[in-house]
PDB file of N, CA and C in Angstrom:
ATOM      1  N   UNK A   1     166.732-140.451  22.745  1.00  0.00           N
ATOM      2  CA  UNK A   1     165.678-141.436  22.806  1.00  0.00           C
ATOM      3  C   UNK A   1     165.710-142.251  21.511  1.00  0.00           C
ATOM      4  N   UNK A   2     165.671-143.560  21.623  1.00  0.00           N
ATOM      5  CA  UNK A   2     165.745-144.459  20.467  1.00  0.00           C
ATOM      6  C   UNK A   2     164.381-144.623  19.815  1.00  0.00           C
ATOM      7  N   UNK A   3     164.420-145.103  18.575  1.00  0.00           N
ATOM      8  CA  UNK A   3     163.171-145.418  17.892  1.00  0.00           C
ATOM      9  C   UNK A   3     162.435-146.502  18.651  1.00  0.00           C
ATOM     10  N   UNK A   4     161.118-146.455  18.606  1.00  0.00           N
ATOM     11  CA  UNK A   4     160.273-147.467  19.243  1.00  0.00           C
ATOM     12  C   UNK A   4     160.406-148.764  18.454  1.00  0.00           C
ATOM     13  N   UNK A   5     160.484-149.879  19.149  1.00  0.00           N
ATOM     14  CA  UNK A   5     160.468-151.175  18.473  1.00  0.00           C
ATOM     15  C   UNK A   5     159.102-151.325  17.806  1.00  0.00           C
ATOM     16  N   UNK A   6     159.116-151.584  16.514  1.00  0.00           N
ATOM     17  CA  UNK A   6     157.885-151.483  15.722  1.00  0.00           C
ATOM     18  C   UNK A   6     157.802-152.623  14.712  1.00  0.00           C
ATOM     19  N   UNK A   7     157.555-153.827  15.200  1.00  0.00           N
ATOM     20  CA  UNK A   7     157.514-154.995  14.325  1.00  0.00           C
ATOM     21  C   UNK A   7     156.412-154.904  13.272  1.00  0.00           C
ATOM     22  N   UNK A   8     155.315-154.263  13.589  1.00  0.00           N
ATOM     23  CA  UNK A   8     154.175-154.194  12.670  1.00  0.00           C
ATOM     24  C   UNK A   8     154.272-153.019  11.697  1.00  0.00           C
ATOM     25  N   UNK A   9     155.095-152.058  12.017  1.00  0.00           N
ATOM     26  CA  UNK A   9     155.205-150.862  11.184  1.00  0.00           C
ATOM     27  C   UNK A   9     154.182-149.790  11.499  1.00  0.00           C
ATOM     28  N   UNK A  10     153.320-150.030  12.473  1.00  0.00           N
ATOM     29  CA  UNK A  10     152.236-149.089  12.759  1.00  0.00           C
ATOM     30  C   UNK A  10     152.740-147.763  13.328  1.00  0.00           C
ATOM     31  N   UNK A  11     153.813-147.786  14.108  1.00  0.00           N
ATOM     32  CA  UNK A  11     154.355-146.542  14.658  1.00  0.00           C
ATOM     33  C   UNK A  11     154.840-145.649  13.521  1.00  0.00           C
ATOM     34  N   UNK A  12     155.496-146.250  12.546  1.00  0.00           N
ATOM     35  CA  UNK A  12     155.986-145.487  11.392  1.00  0.00           C
ATOM     36  C   UNK A  12     154.826-144.945  10.558  1.00  0.00           C
ATOM     37  N   UNK A  13     153.788-145.728  10.397  1.00  0.00           N
ATOM     38  CA  UNK A  13     152.617-145.291   9.638  1.00  0.00           C
ATOM     39  C   UNK A  13     151.959-144.099  10.324  1.00  0.00           C
ATOM     40  N   UNK A  14     151.739-144.202  11.622  1.00  0.00           N
ATOM     41  CA  UNK A  14     151.124-143.091  12.369  1.00  0.00           C
ATOM     42  C   UNK A  14     152.021-141.860  12.297  1.00  0.00           C
ATOM     43  N   UNK A  15     153.316-142.053  12.452  1.00  0.00           N
ATOM     44  CA  UNK A  15     154.257-140.927  12.400  1.00  0.00           C
ATOM     45  C   UNK A  15     154.140-140.178  11.082  1.00  0.00           C
ATOM     46  N   UNK A  16     154.152-140.906   9.989  1.00  0.00           N
ATOM     47  CA  UNK A  16     154.078-140.281   8.664  1.00  0.00           C
ATOM     48  C   UNK A  16     152.723-139.616   8.442  1.00  0.00           C
ATOM     49  N   UNK A  17     151.657-140.273   8.848  1.00  0.00           N
ATOM     50  CA  UNK A  17     150.328-139.700   8.659  1.00  0.00           C
ATOM     51  C   UNK A  17     150.112-138.451   9.493  1.00  0.00           C
ATOM     52  N   UNK A  18     150.594-138.454  10.727  1.00  0.00           N
ATOM     53  CA  UNK A  18     150.468-137.256  11.567  1.00  0.00           C
ATOM     54  C   UNK A  18     151.251-136.109  10.939  1.00  0.00           C
ATOM     55  N   UNK A  19     152.470-136.382  10.510  1.00  0.00           N
ATOM     56  CA  UNK A  19     153.301-135.339   9.900  1.00  0.00           C
ATOM     57  C   UNK A  19     152.620-134.777   8.644  1.00  0.00           C
ATOM     58  N   UNK A  20     152.155-135.652   7.769  1.00  0.00           N
ATOM     59  CA  UNK A  20     151.513-135.188   6.534  1.00  0.00           C
ATOM     60  C   UNK A  20     150.246-134.389   6.824  1.00  0.00           C
ATOM     61  N   UNK A  21     149.427-134.885   7.736  1.00  0.00           N
ATOM     62  CA  UNK A  21     148.178-134.192   8.068  1.00  0.00           C
ATOM     63  C   UNK A  21     148.461-132.840   8.717  1.00  0.00           C
ATOM     64  N   UNK A  22     149.471-132.791   9.572  1.00  0.00           N
ATOM     65  CA  UNK A  22     149.827-131.528  10.227  1.00  0.00           C
ATOM     66  C   UNK A  22     150.290-130.505   9.203  1.00  0.00           C
ATOM     67  N   UNK A  23     151.147-130.932   8.298  1.00  0.00           N
ATOM     68  CA  UNK A  23     151.642-130.005   7.280  1.00  0.00           C
ATOM     69  C   UNK A  23     150.514-129.566   6.346  1.00  0.00           C
ATOM     70  N   UNK A  24     149.649-130.488   5.975  1.00  0.00           N
ATOM     71  CA  UNK A  24     148.508-130.144   5.113  1.00  0.00           C
ATOM     72  C   UNK A  24     147.583-129.143   5.784  1.00  0.00           C
ATOM     73  N   UNK A  25     147.469-129.249   7.107  1.00  0.00           N
ATOM     74  CA  UNK A  25     146.622-128.323   7.869  1.00  0.00           C
ATOM     75  C   UNK A  25     147.322-126.995   8.134  1.00  0.00           C
ATOM     76  N   UNK A  26     148.598-126.914   7.780  1.00  0.00           N
ATOM     77  CA  UNK A  26     149.346-125.677   8.002  1.00  0.00           C
ATOM     78  C   UNK A  26     149.655-125.408   9.458  1.00  0.00           C
ATOM     79  N   UNK A  27     149.781-126.491  10.233  1.00  0.00           N
ATOM     80  CA  UNK A  27     150.044-126.356  11.669  1.00  0.00           C
ATOM     81  C   UNK A  27     151.505-126.654  11.988  1.00  0.00           C
ATOM     82  N   UNK A  28     152.032-125.935  12.959  1.00  0.00           N
ATOM     83  CA  UNK A  28     153.344-126.284  13.502  1.00  0.00           C
ATOM     84  C   UNK A  28     153.148-127.404  14.516  1.00  0.00           C
ATOM     85  N   UNK A  29     154.231-128.030  14.909  1.00  0.00           N
ATOM     86  CA  UNK A  29     154.130-129.049  15.958  1.00  0.00           C
ATOM     87  C   UNK A  29     153.562-128.438  17.232  1.00  0.00           C
ATOM     88  N   UNK A  30     153.958-127.232  17.534  1.00  0.00           N
ATOM     89  CA  UNK A  30     153.473-126.562  18.737  1.00  0.00           C
ATOM     90  C   UNK A  30     151.966-126.299  18.663  1.00  0.00           C
ATOM     91  N   UNK A  31     151.493-125.868  17.510  1.00  0.00           N
ATOM     92  CA  UNK A  31     150.062-125.608  17.347  1.00  0.00           C
ATOM     93  C   UNK A  31     149.250-126.896  17.454  1.00  0.00           C
ATOM     94  N   UNK A  32     149.739-127.966  16.826  1.00  0.00           N
ATOM     95  CA  UNK A  32     149.053-129.249  16.924  1.00  0.00           C
ATOM     96  C   UNK A  32     149.033-129.729  18.367  1.00  0.00           C
ATOM     97  N   UNK A  33     150.159-129.611  19.036  1.00  0.00           N
ATOM     98  CA  UNK A  33     150.243-130.041  20.430  1.00  0.00           C
ATOM     99  C   UNK A  33     149.231-129.288  21.291  1.00  0.00           C
ATOM    100  N   UNK A  34     149.142-127.997  21.098  1.00  0.00           N
ATOM    101  CA  UNK A  34     148.201-127.188  21.872  1.00  0.00           C
ATOM    102  C   UNK A  34     146.759-127.645  21.628  1.00  0.00           C
ATOM    103  N   UNK A  35     146.411-127.846  20.359  1.00  0.00           N
ATOM    104  CA  UNK A  35     145.049-128.269  20.014  1.00  0.00           C
ATOM    105  C   UNK A  35     144.716-129.660  20.562  1.00  0.00           C
ATOM    106  N   UNK A  36     145.733-130.539  20.620  1.00  0.00           N
ATOM    107  CA  UNK A  36     145.512-131.915  21.077  1.00  0.00           C
ATOM    108  C   UNK A  36     145.712-132.069  22.589  1.00  0.00           C
ATOM    109  N   UNK A  37     146.198-131.023  23.238  1.00  0.00           N
ATOM    110  CA  UNK A  37     146.401-131.094  24.687  1.00  0.00           C
ATOM    111  C   UNK A  37     147.597-131.933  25.100  1.00  0.00           C
ATOM    112  N   UNK A  38     148.645-131.903  24.256  1.00  0.00           N
ATOM    113  CA  UNK A  38     149.887-132.608  24.590  1.00  0.00           C
ATOM    114  C   UNK A  38     151.039-131.621  24.449  1.00  0.00           C
ATOM    115  N   UNK A  39     152.205-132.023  24.889  1.00  0.00           N
ATOM    116  CA  UNK A  39     153.389-131.177  24.782  1.00  0.00           C
ATOM    117  C   UNK A  39     153.946-131.221  23.362  1.00  0.00           C
ATOM    118  N   UNK A  40     154.608-130.146  22.943  1.00  0.00           N
ATOM    119  CA  UNK A  40     155.205-130.109  21.619  1.00  0.00           C
ATOM    120  C   UNK A  40     156.232-131.211  21.433  1.00  0.00           C
ATOM    121  N   UNK A  41     156.989-131.512  22.471  1.00  0.00           N
ATOM    122  CA  UNK A  41     157.984-132.584  22.354  1.00  0.00           C
ATOM    123  C   UNK A  41     157.315-133.935  22.128  1.00  0.00           C
ATOM    124  N   UNK A  42     156.096-134.101  22.629  1.00  0.00           N
ATOM    125  CA  UNK A  42     155.345-135.338  22.412  1.00  0.00           C
ATOM    126  C   UNK A  42     155.043-135.494  20.926  1.00  0.00           C
ATOM    127  N   UNK A  43     154.570-134.421  20.282  1.00  0.00           N
ATOM    128  CA  UNK A  43     154.286-134.467  18.846  1.00  0.00           C
ATOM    129  C   UNK A  43     155.571-134.762  18.078  1.00  0.00           C
ATOM    130  N   UNK A  44     156.652-134.129  18.470  1.00  0.00           N
ATOM    131  CA  UNK A  44     157.941-134.377  17.824  1.00  0.00           C
ATOM    132  C   UNK A  44     158.345-135.842  17.943  1.00  0.00           C
ATOM    133  N   UNK A  45     158.140-136.425  19.121  1.00  0.00           N
ATOM    134  CA  UNK A  45     158.483-137.827  19.333  1.00  0.00           C
ATOM    135  C   UNK A  45     157.576-138.757  18.529  1.00  0.00           C
ATOM    136  N   UNK A  46     156.297-138.404  18.393  1.00  0.00           N
ATOM    137  CA  UNK A  46     155.380-139.202  17.567  1.00  0.00           C
ATOM    138  C   UNK A  46     155.866-139.177  16.127  1.00  0.00           C
ATOM    139  N   UNK A  47     156.106-137.985  15.602  1.00  0.00           N
ATOM    140  CA  UNK A  47     156.542-137.854  14.216  1.00  0.00           C
ATOM    141  C   UNK A  47     157.920-138.471  13.982  1.00  0.00           C
ATOM    142  N   UNK A  48     158.737-138.514  15.027  1.00  0.00           N
ATOM    143  CA  UNK A  48     160.078-139.077  14.924  1.00  0.00           C
ATOM    144  C   UNK A  48     160.145-140.569  15.204  1.00  0.00           C
ATOM    145  N   UNK A  49     158.988-141.206  15.355  1.00  0.00           N
ATOM    146  CA  UNK A  49     158.887-142.647  15.597  1.00  0.00           C
ATOM    147  C   UNK A  49     159.523-143.067  16.923  1.00  0.00           C
ATOM    148  N   UNK A  50     159.499-142.158  17.879  1.00  0.00           N
ATOM    149  CA  UNK A  50     160.090-142.422  19.191  1.00  0.00           C
ATOM    150  C   UNK A  50     159.040-142.595  20.282  1.00  0.00           C
ATOM    151  N   UNK A  51     157.774-142.481  19.894  1.00  0.00           N
ATOM    152  CA  UNK A  51     156.690-142.553  20.872  1.00  0.00           C
ATOM    153  C   UNK A  51     155.608-143.482  20.348  1.00  0.00           C
ATOM    154  N   UNK A  52     155.230-144.467  21.141  1.00  0.00           N
ATOM    155  CA  UNK A  52     154.129-145.365  20.827  1.00  0.00           C
ATOM    156  C   UNK A  52     152.915-144.809  21.564  1.00  0.00           C
ATOM    157  N   UNK A  53     152.038-144.143  20.833  1.00  0.00           N
ATOM    158  CA  UNK A  53     150.951-143.401  21.469  1.00  0.00           C
ATOM    159  C   UNK A  53     149.783-144.304  21.848  1.00  0.00           C
ATOM    160  N   UNK A  54     148.977-143.800  22.754  1.00  0.00           N
ATOM    161  CA  UNK A  54     147.764-144.515  23.161  1.00  0.00           C
ATOM    162  C   UNK A  54     146.636-144.219  22.177  1.00  0.00           C
ATOM    163  N   UNK A  55     145.601-145.010  22.242  1.00  0.00           N
ATOM    164  CA  UNK A  55     144.424-144.796  21.399  1.00  0.00           C
ATOM    165  C   UNK A  55     143.797-143.442  21.734  1.00  0.00           C
ATOM    166  N   UNK A  56     143.814-143.072  22.986  1.00  0.00           N
ATOM    167  CA  UNK A  56     143.246-141.791  23.413  1.00  0.00           C
ATOM    168  C   UNK A  56     143.978-140.627  22.763  1.00  0.00           C
ATOM    169  N   UNK A  57     145.299-140.674  22.771  1.00  0.00           N
ATOM    170  CA  UNK A  57     146.073-139.594  22.150  1.00  0.00           C
ATOM    171  C   UNK A  57     145.900-139.626  20.638  1.00  0.00           C
ATOM    172  N   UNK A  58     145.811-140.799  20.043  1.00  0.00           N
ATOM    173  CA  UNK A  58     145.544-140.910  18.611  1.00  0.00           C
ATOM    174  C   UNK A  58     144.252-140.175  18.260  1.00  0.00           C
ATOM    175  N   UNK A  59     143.231-140.386  19.061  1.00  0.00           N
ATOM    176  CA  UNK A  59     141.941-139.727  18.832  1.00  0.00           C
ATOM    177  C   UNK A  59     142.059-138.212  19.010  1.00  0.00           C
ATOM    178  N   UNK A  60     142.802-137.767  20.000  1.00  0.00           N
ATOM    179  CA  UNK A  60     142.965-136.324  20.223  1.00  0.00           C
ATOM    180  C   UNK A  60     143.743-135.667  19.092  1.00  0.00           C
ATOM    181  N   UNK A  61     144.785-136.348  18.608  1.00  0.00           N
ATOM    182  CA  UNK A  61     145.545-135.818  17.478  1.00  0.00           C
ATOM    183  C   UNK A  61     144.671-135.761  16.231  1.00  0.00           C
ATOM    184  N   UNK A  62     143.919-136.825  15.983  1.00  0.00           N
ATOM    185  CA  UNK A  62     143.031-136.857  14.819  1.00  0.00           C
ATOM    186  C   UNK A  62     142.030-135.710  14.878  1.00  0.00           C
ATOM    187  N   UNK A  63     141.418-135.507  16.023  1.00  0.00           N
ATOM    188  CA  UNK A  63     140.449-134.418  16.177  1.00  0.00           C
ATOM    189  C   UNK A  63     141.106-133.069  15.911  1.00  0.00           C
ATOM    190  N   UNK A  64     142.282-132.855  16.455  1.00  0.00           N
ATOM    191  CA  UNK A  64     142.998-131.594  16.260  1.00  0.00           C
ATOM    192  C   UNK A  64     143.386-131.387  14.798  1.00  0.00           C
ATOM    193  N   UNK A  65     143.563-132.483  14.070  1.00  0.00           N
ATOM    194  CA  UNK A  65     143.931-132.414  12.654  1.00  0.00           C
ATOM    195  C   UNK A  65     142.710-132.410  11.728  1.00  0.00           C
ATOM    196  N   UNK A  66     141.520-132.504  12.314  1.00  0.00           N
ATOM    197  CA  UNK A  66     140.303-132.503  11.521  1.00  0.00           C
ATOM    198  C   UNK A  66     140.111-133.779  10.723  1.00  0.00           C
ATOM    199  N   UNK A  67     140.566-134.886  11.291  1.00  0.00           N
ATOM    200  CA  UNK A  67     140.426-136.173  10.626  1.00  0.00           C
ATOM    201  C   UNK A  67     139.941-137.197  11.642  1.00  0.00           C
ATOM    202  N   UNK A  68     140.010-138.455  11.294  1.00  0.00           N
ATOM    203  CA  UNK A  68     139.578-139.530  12.188  1.00  0.00           C
ATOM    204  C   UNK A  68     140.764-140.426  12.515  1.00  0.00           C
ATOM    205  N   UNK A  69     140.701-141.120  13.645  1.00  0.00           N
ATOM    206  CA  UNK A  69     141.813-141.998  14.014  1.00  0.00           C
ATOM    207  C   UNK A  69     142.141-143.037  12.946  1.00  0.00           C
ATOM    208  N   UNK A  70     141.118-143.579  12.296  1.00  0.00           N
ATOM    209  CA  UNK A  70     141.396-144.602  11.282  1.00  0.00           C
ATOM    210  C   UNK A  70     142.208-144.045  10.111  1.00  0.00           C
ATOM    211  N   UNK A  71     142.048-142.772   9.809  1.00  0.00           N
ATOM    212  CA  UNK A  71     142.834-142.170   8.732  1.00  0.00           C
ATOM    213  C   UNK A  71     144.313-142.082   9.111  1.00  0.00           C
ATOM    214  N   UNK A  72     144.588-141.928  10.395  1.00  0.00           N
ATOM    215  CA  UNK A  72     145.988-141.858  10.844  1.00  0.00           C
ATOM    216  C   UNK A  72     146.629-143.243  10.916  1.00  0.00           C
ATOM    217  N   UNK A  73     145.823-144.286  10.787  1.00  0.00           N
ATOM    218  CA  UNK A  73     146.330-145.658  10.834  1.00  0.00           C
ATOM    219  C   UNK A  73     146.493-146.289   9.453  1.00  0.00           C
ATOM    220  N   UNK A  74     146.088-145.589   8.422  1.00  0.00           N
ATOM    221  CA  UNK A  74     146.154-146.128   7.058  1.00  0.00           C
ATOM    222  C   UNK A  74     147.544-145.985   6.479  1.00  0.00           C
ATOM    223  N   UNK A  75     147.946-146.954   5.683  1.00  0.00           N
ATOM    224  CA  UNK A  75     149.240-146.898   5.006  1.00  0.00           C
ATOM    225  C   UNK A  75     149.267-145.683   4.090  1.00  0.00           C
ATOM    226  N   UNK A  76     150.293-144.811   4.256  1.00  0.00           N
ATOM    227  CA  UNK A  76     150.382-143.605   3.418  1.00  0.00           C
ATOM    228  C   UNK A  76     150.518-143.964   1.937  1.00  0.00           C
ATOM    229  N   UNK A  77     149.980-143.099   1.099  1.00  0.00           N
ATOM    230  CA  UNK A  77     150.060-143.321  -0.357  1.00  0.00           C
ATOM    231  C   UNK A  77     151.225-142.575  -0.951  1.00  0.00           C
TER     232      UNK A  77
END
């Protein structure tokens, strides 16, 4: 599967933020997927910039990570 076309850079930003938040929470991709109600391969594709997620899934991932959707959309520091 190829990288998602991402002219705005938002897919890459979400990918990095999800990965950082997941690692900070001490969760595996499988654990995050279970908490968010998605498949582990879906989380892998998000983190790998291969999946352009919906707002609904963004919210579910944020909730599972104990954060808010807007935090997953911010440019990483």
